Structures are given as C-alpha cells and as structure tokens.
C-alpha cells in the first residue's frame, strides 16, 4: 500500500503542476 500512496502523491503533484501551467497559459 505504501507504493500506492507514493503513486497517488506523485500523480496529485503532477496534476497540480499541470493545472498551474494551464492556468498560467490562460492568464497570458
């Protein structure tokens, strides 16, 4: 289960960074 938690944390971080990049491009 530890591996699943790490994968979840990584995917959550990736989605958050992707969303911030998208919002940054939208602000342009």
Protein backbone atom coordinates (compact mmCIF):
# COMPACT_ATOMS: atom_id res chain seq x y z
CA UNK A 1 0.00 0.00 0.00
CA UNK A 2 2.97 2.30 0.53
CA UNK A 3 3.70 2.17 -3.20
CA UNK A 4 0.10 3.12 -3.98
CA UNK A 5 0.33 6.08 -1.63
CA UNK A 6 3.55 7.25 -3.28
CA UNK A 7 2.00 6.91 -6.75
CA UNK A 8 -1.07 8.83 -5.58
CA UNK A 9 1.08 11.62 -4.13
CA UNK A 10 3.12 11.80 -7.34
CA UNK A 11 0.05 11.89 -9.59
CA UNK A 12 -1.56 14.53 -7.37
CA UNK A 13 1.60 16.65 -7.56
CA UNK A 14 1.77 16.16 -11.35
CA UNK A 15 -1.86 17.16 -11.82
CA UNK A 16 -1.37 20.22 -9.60
CA UNK A 17 1.68 21.37 -11.57
CA UNK A 18 -0.12 20.69 -14.87
CA UNK A 19 -3.12 22.74 -13.73
CA UNK A 20 -0.89 25.62 -12.63
CA UNK A 21 0.83 25.58 -16.03
CA UNK A 22 -2.56 25.59 -17.81
CA UNK A 23 -3.87 28.47 -15.70
CA UNK A 24 -0.63 30.38 -16.32
CA UNK A 25 -1.07 29.96 -20.08
CA UNK A 26 -4.73 31.02 -19.80
CA UNK A 27 -3.68 34.16 -17.94
CA UNK A 28 -1.43 35.02 -20.88
